[in-house]
Amino acid sequence: MNLSVIIITKNEEELISDCIKSISFADEVIVIDSESTDKTVDIARKLGAQIVTKKFTNYADQRATALKHAKGKWLLYIDADERASEKLHEEIVEVVNRKPQTANGTDSIVAFRIPRQNYYLGKNKWPHIEYLERLFLKEKLVGWEGAVHEHAIYTGEVGTLQNPIIHYTHRNLELMTAKTNQWSEVEADMLLASQSVSGI
């Protein structure tokens, strides 16, 4: 099995179908679901995804959970509000079916940054393209760290893909406020924990 795709969800019934359909090239789709109360799990299961239920602790823990379940040689992490573009689909298939190497032809590249094009409040295109490490050789991925803006820990070199993930962020003001509040709560918990450890 070459490619497992991991999606983290919590009440994503409006988004999960299009997300899974955009990564139909995967050999395996694993949904790490944070106890959704809507139809997210039912929709994902009907589309062939494997469901792993895990109470939400932080984003790094949710992503790391997939390492215990994924069978693919390569792991692609994508969120429910993201879509793999058709050209990215083709590029990823090419990558996972060969052994990429560095310029000197020796050490293998074990992770790839993928450009992400953001759209906010519907179809408003954000001018800035960000690059996120999302595709990993499983045997080189050690884990994830960071409660909010999590990042991967891996051993080896990183490459960069050319074609984007499409991200539909903050689809309306209500969702934008809810997401901001969620991040604020997590960061507040982190601050309290650090003060407790330091004895403040």
Foldseek 3Di string as FASTA:
>chain_A
DQEEEEEEDAQLVVQQLQACVLQVVGPAYEYAYQPHPDCNVVNCVVVPHHYHYDHDDFDQVSVQVCLVPDDHQKYFYDYSQKGQDPVNNVVVVVPSVDFDDDPVRDFTAFWEWAWEWEAAQARRTDPDIDTATGMGRSVFWPTWDDRYPIHTDGDGHYYYDDGHMYGYPHNDVVRVVVVVVVVVVSVVVVVVVVCVVVVD
